[in-house]
Amino acid sequence: MTERVRAVLITPNDTTLVIKRIRPGVDPYWVIVGGGVEDTDPDREAALLREIHEEVAGDARILRLLHHLQNDKDETEYFYLARIETWNFDNRTGPEFAHTDRGEYILEEVPLTLNAIATMNLMPPEIKTVLCEAIERGTLPATA
C-alpha cells in the first residue's frame, strides 16, 4: 500500500505554508507540503523531511503526528505538525516542478486562524476539518 506524508508547517509567525495549485480546467485549490514515501526512505519522518527540502528548500523539525487518513486512491496519508524556520521556494528541487503541463505551484503563507483555513479550498477536505477543529481547541499553532 502506498504511503504519503504531509507537513502542517508552522512558521515563526504562527502561519502555515501551503501550496496553491492552479491547473487548467480545475478551480484553484491548496495542498499541504509533502509527497510519497519512497523505498529508499528509512521511515515516514525521513520521507517527510526529504519532501520538505524538495518542495520548499526548507529544514523543519517534526513535532508530532497530527492525523492520518485513507484517501480516494486507497493510499494512507500521514499529516505531521512541524516547525520551520527558513525556506526558499525559488530553490525547490521536487521533480513535479519540472512538469510545466501540471499547472502552477504557488507557495503561500496563511494565518493559522479559523477564518483563513475555513475559507480555503484545502485538499483533502478532511485535513481542513482537522485543522479547524485544532484551532478551535487552541492546539494550533503549536508552541513547541
N, C-alpha and C. Protein backbone atom coordinates (compact mmCIF):
# COMPACT_ATOMS: atom_id res chain seq x y z
N MET A 1 0.84 -1.17 0.00
CA MET A 1 0.00 0.00 0.00
C MET A 1 0.89 1.24 0.00
N THR A 2 0.52 2.22 -0.79
CA THR A 2 1.27 3.46 -0.89
C THR A 2 1.03 4.34 0.34
N GLU A 3 2.11 4.93 0.84
CA GLU A 3 2.01 5.87 1.94
C GLU A 3 2.46 7.24 1.47
N ARG A 4 1.77 8.26 1.97
CA ARG A 4 2.10 9.64 1.68
C ARG A 4 2.27 10.36 3.01
N VAL A 5 3.14 11.36 3.01
CA VAL A 5 3.39 12.15 4.22
C VAL A 5 3.22 13.63 3.87
N ARG A 6 2.68 14.37 4.82
CA ARG A 6 2.47 15.81 4.63
C ARG A 6 2.79 16.53 5.93
N ALA A 7 3.19 17.80 5.79
CA ALA A 7 3.57 18.58 6.97
C ALA A 7 2.76 19.86 7.05
N VAL A 8 2.08 20.02 8.17
CA VAL A 8 1.49 21.32 8.51
C VAL A 8 2.67 22.11 9.06
N LEU A 9 3.25 22.95 8.20
CA LEU A 9 4.47 23.68 8.54
C LEU A 9 4.12 24.99 9.21
N ILE A 10 4.51 25.10 10.47
CA ILE A 10 4.23 26.32 11.23
C ILE A 10 5.48 27.18 11.24
N THR A 11 5.32 28.42 10.81
CA THR A 11 6.43 29.37 10.69
C THR A 11 6.63 30.11 12.02
N PRO A 12 7.72 30.87 12.13
CA PRO A 12 7.93 31.67 13.34
C PRO A 12 6.82 32.70 13.59
N ASN A 13 6.06 33.05 12.55
CA ASN A 13 4.95 34.00 12.68
C ASN A 13 3.62 33.31 12.99
N ASP A 14 3.67 32.01 13.32
CA ASP A 14 2.48 31.20 13.57
C ASP A 14 1.51 31.22 12.39
N THR A 15 2.10 31.17 11.19
CA THR A 15 1.34 30.96 9.97
C THR A 15 1.68 29.55 9.49
N THR A 16 1.06 29.13 8.41
CA THR A 16 1.40 27.84 7.83
C THR A 16 1.70 28.00 6.35
N LEU A 17 2.58 27.17 5.85
CA LEU A 17 2.93 27.19 4.43
C LEU A 17 2.09 26.17 3.68
N VAL A 18 1.44 26.63 2.62
CA VAL A 18 0.64 25.75 1.77
C VAL A 18 0.97 26.07 0.32
N ILE A 19 0.68 25.14 -0.55
CA ILE A 19 0.94 25.33 -1.97
C ILE A 19 -0.40 25.47 -2.70
N LYS A 20 -0.55 26.60 -3.35
CA LYS A 20 -1.74 26.83 -4.17
C LYS A 20 -1.50 26.19 -5.53
N ARG A 21 -2.44 25.37 -5.95
CA ARG A 21 -2.35 24.67 -7.23
C ARG A 21 -3.33 25.31 -8.21
N ILE A 22 -2.79 25.71 -9.34
CA ILE A 22 -3.60 26.25 -10.42
C ILE A 22 -3.38 25.36 -11.63
N ARG A 23 -4.45 24.67 -12.00
CA ARG A 23 -4.37 23.72 -13.11
C ARG A 23 -5.46 24.06 -14.12
N PRO A 24 -5.16 23.88 -15.40
CA PRO A 24 -6.16 24.17 -16.42
C PRO A 24 -7.45 23.37 -16.20
N GLY A 25 -8.56 24.06 -16.24
CA GLY A 25 -9.86 23.40 -16.13
C GLY A 25 -10.28 22.98 -14.74
N VAL A 26 -9.50 23.36 -13.71
CA VAL A 26 -9.80 22.98 -12.34
C VAL A 26 -9.78 24.24 -11.48
N ASP A 27 -10.76 24.38 -10.58
CA ASP A 27 -10.75 25.50 -9.66
C ASP A 27 -9.48 25.45 -8.82
N PRO A 28 -8.88 26.61 -8.51
CA PRO A 28 -7.68 26.62 -7.67
C PRO A 28 -7.95 25.93 -6.33
N TYR A 29 -6.93 25.24 -5.84
CA TYR A 29 -7.03 24.58 -4.54
C TYR A 29 -5.65 24.64 -3.88
N TRP A 30 -5.61 24.32 -2.59
CA TRP A 30 -4.37 24.35 -1.83
C TRP A 30 -4.07 22.96 -1.30
N VAL A 31 -2.78 22.66 -1.19
CA VAL A 31 -2.33 21.39 -0.61
C VAL A 31 -1.25 21.68 0.42
N ILE A 32 -1.09 20.73 1.32
CA ILE A 32 -0.07 20.81 2.34
C ILE A 32 1.19 20.16 1.79
N VAL A 33 2.33 20.73 2.09
CA VAL A 33 3.62 20.24 1.60
C VAL A 33 3.81 18.77 1.95
N GLY A 34 4.28 18.00 0.98
CA GLY A 34 4.55 16.59 1.23
C GLY A 34 4.48 15.78 -0.04
N GLY A 35 4.55 14.46 0.12
CA GLY A 35 4.51 13.58 -1.04
C GLY A 35 4.64 12.13 -0.63
N GLY A 36 5.04 11.31 -1.57
CA GLY A 36 5.09 9.87 -1.35
C GLY A 36 6.32 9.41 -0.59
N VAL A 37 6.13 8.36 0.18
CA VAL A 37 7.24 7.69 0.85
C VAL A 37 7.89 6.77 -0.18
N GLU A 38 9.20 6.92 -0.35
CA GLU A 38 9.93 6.12 -1.32
C GLU A 38 10.61 4.94 -0.63
N ASP A 39 10.91 3.89 -1.41
CA ASP A 39 11.57 2.70 -0.87
C ASP A 39 12.91 3.03 -0.21
N THR A 40 13.56 4.08 -0.67
CA THR A 40 14.87 4.45 -0.13
C THR A 40 14.78 5.26 1.16
N ASP A 41 13.58 5.69 1.53
CA ASP A 41 13.40 6.46 2.77
C ASP A 41 13.45 5.50 3.96
N PRO A 42 14.26 5.80 4.99
CA PRO A 42 14.34 4.91 6.15
C PRO A 42 13.02 4.80 6.92
N ASP A 43 12.24 5.88 6.94
CA ASP A 43 10.94 5.86 7.62
C ASP A 43 10.11 7.04 7.13
N ARG A 44 8.88 7.15 7.61
CA ARG A 44 7.98 8.22 7.17
C ARG A 44 8.52 9.60 7.50
N GLU A 45 9.11 9.74 8.68
CA GLU A 45 9.62 11.05 9.08
C GLU A 45 10.76 11.50 8.18
N ALA A 46 11.64 10.57 7.81
CA ALA A 46 12.73 10.90 6.89
C ALA A 46 12.16 11.28 5.52
N ALA A 47 11.13 10.58 5.09
CA ALA A 47 10.48 10.91 3.82
C ALA A 47 9.90 12.32 3.87
N LEU A 48 9.30 12.65 5.00
CA LEU A 48 8.70 13.98 5.13
C LEU A 48 9.77 15.07 5.09
N LEU A 49 10.86 14.87 5.79
CA LEU A 49 11.94 15.87 5.78
C LEU A 49 12.52 16.02 4.37
N ARG A 50 12.63 14.91 3.63
CA ARG A 50 13.09 14.98 2.24
C ARG A 50 12.11 15.78 1.39
N GLU A 51 10.82 15.51 1.55
CA GLU A 51 9.80 16.22 0.78
C GLU A 51 9.80 17.72 1.09
N ILE A 52 9.95 18.07 2.35
CA ILE A 52 10.01 19.49 2.73
C ILE A 52 11.20 20.16 2.06
N HIS A 53 12.33 19.46 2.07
CA HIS A 53 13.52 20.02 1.43
C HIS A 53 13.30 20.18 -0.08
N GLU A 54 12.72 19.17 -0.73
CA GLU A 54 12.48 19.24 -2.17
C GLU A 54 11.47 20.32 -2.54
N GLU A 55 10.39 20.45 -1.77
CA GLU A 55 9.29 21.31 -2.17
C GLU A 55 9.43 22.77 -1.75
N VAL A 56 10.10 23.03 -0.63
CA VAL A 56 10.23 24.43 -0.19
C VAL A 56 11.66 24.79 0.19
N ALA A 57 12.60 23.90 -0.09
CA ALA A 57 14.01 24.13 0.25
C ALA A 57 14.13 24.59 1.70
N GLY A 58 13.45 23.87 2.57
CA GLY A 58 13.47 24.21 3.99
C GLY A 58 13.86 23.02 4.85
N ASP A 59 14.26 23.36 6.05
CA ASP A 59 14.54 22.33 7.05
C ASP A 59 13.54 22.52 8.18
N ALA A 60 12.88 21.45 8.55
CA ALA A 60 11.84 21.53 9.57
C ALA A 60 12.15 20.59 10.72
N ARG A 61 11.46 20.84 11.80
CA ARG A 61 11.54 19.98 12.99
C ARG A 61 10.14 19.39 13.18
N ILE A 62 10.04 18.09 13.05
CA ILE A 62 8.74 17.42 13.21
C ILE A 62 8.38 17.39 14.69
N LEU A 63 7.16 17.84 15.00
CA LEU A 63 6.69 17.86 16.38
C LEU A 63 5.91 16.61 16.75
N ARG A 64 4.96 16.24 15.88
CA ARG A 64 4.14 15.06 16.19
C ARG A 64 3.24 14.73 15.01
N LEU A 65 2.72 13.51 15.04
CA LEU A 65 1.71 13.11 14.06
C LEU A 65 0.41 13.80 14.44
N LEU A 66 -0.21 14.44 13.49
CA LEU A 66 -1.45 15.17 13.72
C LEU A 66 -2.67 14.35 13.34
N HIS A 67 -2.59 13.62 12.21
CA HIS A 67 -3.77 12.91 11.69
C HIS A 67 -3.30 11.95 10.59
N HIS A 68 -4.09 10.93 10.35
CA HIS A 68 -3.87 10.09 9.18
C HIS A 68 -5.22 9.71 8.59
N LEU A 69 -5.23 9.40 7.30
CA LEU A 69 -6.47 9.07 6.62
C LEU A 69 -6.20 8.19 5.42
N GLN A 70 -7.23 7.57 4.92
CA GLN A 70 -7.19 6.83 3.66
C GLN A 70 -7.77 7.75 2.61
N ASN A 71 -7.01 8.03 1.54
CA ASN A 71 -7.55 8.89 0.50
C ASN A 71 -8.32 8.08 -0.54
N ASP A 72 -8.86 8.79 -1.53
CA ASP A 72 -9.70 8.11 -2.53
C ASP A 72 -8.90 7.22 -3.49
N LYS A 73 -7.57 7.25 -3.39
CA LYS A 73 -6.72 6.36 -4.18
C LYS A 73 -6.27 5.16 -3.36
N ASP A 74 -6.87 4.98 -2.17
CA ASP A 74 -6.54 3.91 -1.23
C ASP A 74 -5.09 4.01 -0.74
N GLU A 75 -4.61 5.24 -0.62
CA GLU A 75 -3.29 5.50 -0.04
C GLU A 75 -3.50 5.97 1.40
N THR A 76 -2.57 5.65 2.27
CA THR A 76 -2.61 6.18 3.63
C THR A 76 -1.79 7.46 3.64
N GLU A 77 -2.42 8.55 4.10
CA GLU A 77 -1.74 9.84 4.21
C GLU A 77 -1.55 10.17 5.68
N TYR A 78 -0.30 10.50 6.04
CA TYR A 78 0.05 10.88 7.40
C TYR A 78 0.36 12.38 7.42
N PHE A 79 -0.33 13.09 8.28
CA PHE A 79 -0.16 14.54 8.41
C PHE A 79 0.55 14.82 9.73
N TYR A 80 1.71 15.45 9.62
CA TYR A 80 2.52 15.78 10.78
C TYR A 80 2.47 17.28 11.04
N LEU A 81 2.64 17.64 12.28
CA LEU A 81 2.79 19.02 12.68
C LEU A 81 4.29 19.27 12.77
N ALA A 82 4.78 20.34 12.16
CA ALA A 82 6.22 20.62 12.15
C ALA A 82 6.47 22.12 12.21
N ARG A 83 7.60 22.47 12.76
CA ARG A 83 8.06 23.86 12.80
C ARG A 83 9.11 24.06 11.71
N ILE A 84 9.03 25.20 11.03
CA ILE A 84 10.01 25.54 10.00
C ILE A 84 10.47 26.97 10.25
N GLU A 85 11.78 27.16 10.20
CA GLU A 85 12.34 28.49 10.46
C GLU A 85 12.66 29.23 9.16
N THR A 86 13.23 28.51 8.19
CA THR A 86 13.60 29.14 6.93
C THR A 86 13.18 28.24 5.76
N TRP A 87 12.93 28.88 4.64
CA TRP A 87 12.56 28.18 3.42
C TRP A 87 12.83 29.11 2.25
N ASN A 88 12.93 28.53 1.05
CA ASN A 88 13.17 29.33 -0.15
C ASN A 88 12.52 28.60 -1.33
N PHE A 89 11.32 29.00 -1.67
CA PHE A 89 10.56 28.32 -2.72
C PHE A 89 11.28 28.39 -4.06
N ASP A 90 12.10 29.41 -4.27
CA ASP A 90 12.84 29.53 -5.52
C ASP A 90 13.88 28.42 -5.68
N ASN A 91 14.29 27.82 -4.58
CA ASN A 91 15.30 26.76 -4.63
C ASN A 91 14.72 25.36 -4.52
N ARG A 92 13.44 25.21 -4.74
CA ARG A 92 12.80 23.90 -4.65
C ARG A 92 13.38 22.98 -5.73
N THR A 93 13.38 21.69 -5.44
CA THR A 93 14.00 20.73 -6.36
C THR A 93 13.10 19.56 -6.69
N GLY A 94 11.87 19.54 -6.18
CA GLY A 94 10.99 18.40 -6.41
C GLY A 94 10.78 18.12 -7.89
N PRO A 95 10.74 16.85 -8.28
CA PRO A 95 10.59 16.51 -9.69
C PRO A 95 9.28 17.01 -10.31
N GLU A 96 8.24 17.19 -9.49
CA GLU A 96 6.96 17.65 -10.02
C GLU A 96 7.04 19.04 -10.62
N PHE A 97 8.00 19.85 -10.16
CA PHE A 97 8.09 21.23 -10.63
C PHE A 97 8.66 21.32 -12.04
N ALA A 98 9.27 20.25 -12.53
CA ALA A 98 9.82 20.23 -13.89
C ALA A 98 8.73 19.99 -14.94
N HIS A 99 7.56 19.55 -14.53
CA HIS A 99 6.47 19.25 -15.46
C HIS A 99 5.59 20.48 -15.62
N THR A 100 5.86 21.28 -16.65
CA THR A 100 5.10 22.51 -16.85
C THR A 100 3.65 22.24 -17.23
N ASP A 101 3.34 21.05 -17.67
CA ASP A 101 1.96 20.72 -18.03
C ASP A 101 1.08 20.45 -16.81
N ARG A 102 1.65 20.46 -15.61
CA ARG A 102 0.88 20.22 -14.38
C ARG A 102 0.31 21.50 -13.78
N GLY A 103 0.52 22.62 -14.45
CA GLY A 103 0.00 23.88 -13.93
C GLY A 103 0.98 24.56 -13.00
N GLU A 104 0.46 25.49 -12.21
CA GLU A 104 1.31 26.30 -11.35
C GLU A 104 1.31 25.79 -9.91
N TYR A 105 2.44 26.03 -9.25
CA TYR A 105 2.61 25.75 -7.83
C TYR A 105 3.02 27.08 -7.20
N ILE A 106 2.20 27.61 -6.31
CA ILE A 106 2.48 28.90 -5.69
C ILE A 106 2.52 28.72 -4.17
N LEU A 107 3.66 29.02 -3.58
CA LEU A 107 3.78 28.89 -2.13
C LEU A 107 3.11 30.09 -1.46
N GLU A 108 2.25 29.82 -0.49
CA GLU A 108 1.57 30.88 0.25
C GLU A 108 1.74 30.65 1.74
N GLU A 109 1.84 31.75 2.46
CA GLU A 109 1.90 31.73 3.92
C GLU A 109 0.54 32.19 4.41
N VAL A 110 -0.16 31.32 5.12
CA VAL A 110 -1.56 31.56 5.51
C VAL A 110 -1.64 31.62 7.03
N PRO A 111 -2.38 32.60 7.57
CA PRO A 111 -2.55 32.64 9.02
C PRO A 111 -3.23 31.36 9.53
N LEU A 112 -2.79 30.89 10.68
CA LEU A 112 -3.42 29.72 11.29
C LEU A 112 -4.61 30.20 12.12
N THR A 113 -5.61 30.72 11.40
CA THR A 113 -6.83 31.17 12.03
C THR A 113 -8.00 30.39 11.44
N LEU A 114 -9.06 30.32 12.21
CA LEU A 114 -10.24 29.59 11.75
C LEU A 114 -10.75 30.19 10.44
N ASN A 115 -10.83 31.50 10.36
CA ASN A 115 -11.35 32.14 9.16
C ASN A 115 -10.48 31.84 7.94
N ALA A 116 -9.17 31.95 8.09
CA ALA A 116 -8.28 31.73 6.95
C ALA A 116 -8.34 30.29 6.45
N ILE A 117 -8.30 29.33 7.35
CA ILE A 117 -8.31 27.92 6.95
C ILE A 117 -9.68 27.51 6.42
N ALA A 118 -10.74 27.96 7.08
CA ALA A 118 -12.10 27.55 6.69
C ALA A 118 -12.48 28.04 5.30
N THR A 119 -11.90 29.15 4.85
CA THR A 119 -12.29 29.70 3.55
C THR A 119 -11.45 29.17 2.40
N MET A 120 -10.43 28.37 2.70
CA MET A 120 -9.58 27.80 1.65
C MET A 120 -10.20 26.54 1.06
N ASN A 121 -9.91 26.31 -0.20
CA ASN A 121 -10.26 25.05 -0.84
C ASN A 121 -9.08 24.10 -0.63
N LEU A 122 -8.91 23.69 0.63
CA LEU A 122 -7.76 22.87 1.04
C LEU A 122 -8.08 21.39 0.81
N MET A 123 -7.14 20.72 0.16
CA MET A 123 -7.30 19.30 -0.13
C MET A 123 -6.32 18.47 0.68
N PRO A 124 -6.75 17.32 1.13
CA PRO A 124 -8.11 16.79 1.10
C PRO A 124 -8.98 17.52 2.13
N PRO A 125 -10.29 17.57 1.88
CA PRO A 125 -11.19 18.30 2.78
C PRO A 125 -11.11 17.86 4.24
N GLU A 126 -10.81 16.60 4.48
CA GLU A 126 -10.74 16.09 5.86
C GLU A 126 -9.67 16.82 6.68
N ILE A 127 -8.54 17.17 6.04
CA ILE A 127 -7.49 17.84 6.80
C ILE A 127 -7.90 19.27 7.13
N LYS A 128 -8.70 19.88 6.29
CA LYS A 128 -9.22 21.21 6.60
C LYS A 128 -10.06 21.15 7.87
N THR A 129 -10.89 20.14 7.99
CA THR A 129 -11.72 19.95 9.19
C THR A 129 -10.84 19.72 10.41
N VAL A 130 -9.82 18.88 10.28
CA VAL A 130 -8.91 18.59 11.39
C VAL A 130 -8.22 19.87 11.85
N LEU A 131 -7.74 20.68 10.92
CA LEU A 131 -7.07 21.93 11.27
C LEU A 131 -8.03 22.91 11.95
N CYS A 132 -9.23 23.05 11.40
CA CYS A 132 -10.21 23.96 12.01
C CYS A 132 -10.56 23.53 13.43
N GLU A 133 -10.73 22.23 13.64
CA GLU A 133 -11.04 21.74 14.99
C GLU A 133 -9.88 21.98 15.95
N ALA A 134 -8.65 21.80 15.48
CA ALA A 134 -7.47 22.04 16.33
C ALA A 134 -7.35 23.52 16.68
N ILE A 135 -7.65 24.39 15.74
CA ILE A 135 -7.61 25.83 16.01
C ILE A 135 -8.68 26.18 17.04
N GLU A 136 -9.87 25.63 16.87
CA GLU A 136 -10.96 25.90 17.83
C GLU A 136 -10.60 25.42 19.24
N ARG A 137 -9.91 24.27 19.34
CA ARG A 137 -9.49 23.74 20.64
C ARG A 137 -8.32 24.50 21.24
N GLY A 138 -7.65 25.30 20.42
CA GLY A 138 -6.50 26.04 20.89
C GLY A 138 -5.20 25.25 20.84
N THR A 139 -5.17 24.15 20.07
CA THR A 139 -3.95 23.35 19.98
C THR A 139 -3.10 23.71 18.77
N LEU A 140 -3.56 24.64 17.96
CA LEU A 140 -2.77 25.19 16.86
C LEU A 140 -2.85 26.70 16.94
N PRO A 141 -1.77 27.41 16.75
CA PRO A 141 -0.45 26.89 16.43
C PRO A 141 0.21 26.23 17.62
N ALA A 142 1.13 25.36 17.33
CA ALA A 142 1.84 24.64 18.38
C ALA A 142 2.87 25.55 19.02
N THR A 143 3.04 25.43 20.28
CA THR A 143 4.00 26.27 20.99
C THR A 143 5.36 25.60 21.13
N ALA A 144 5.44 24.34 20.80
CA ALA A 144 6.72 23.61 20.96
C ALA A 144 7.70 23.96 19.86
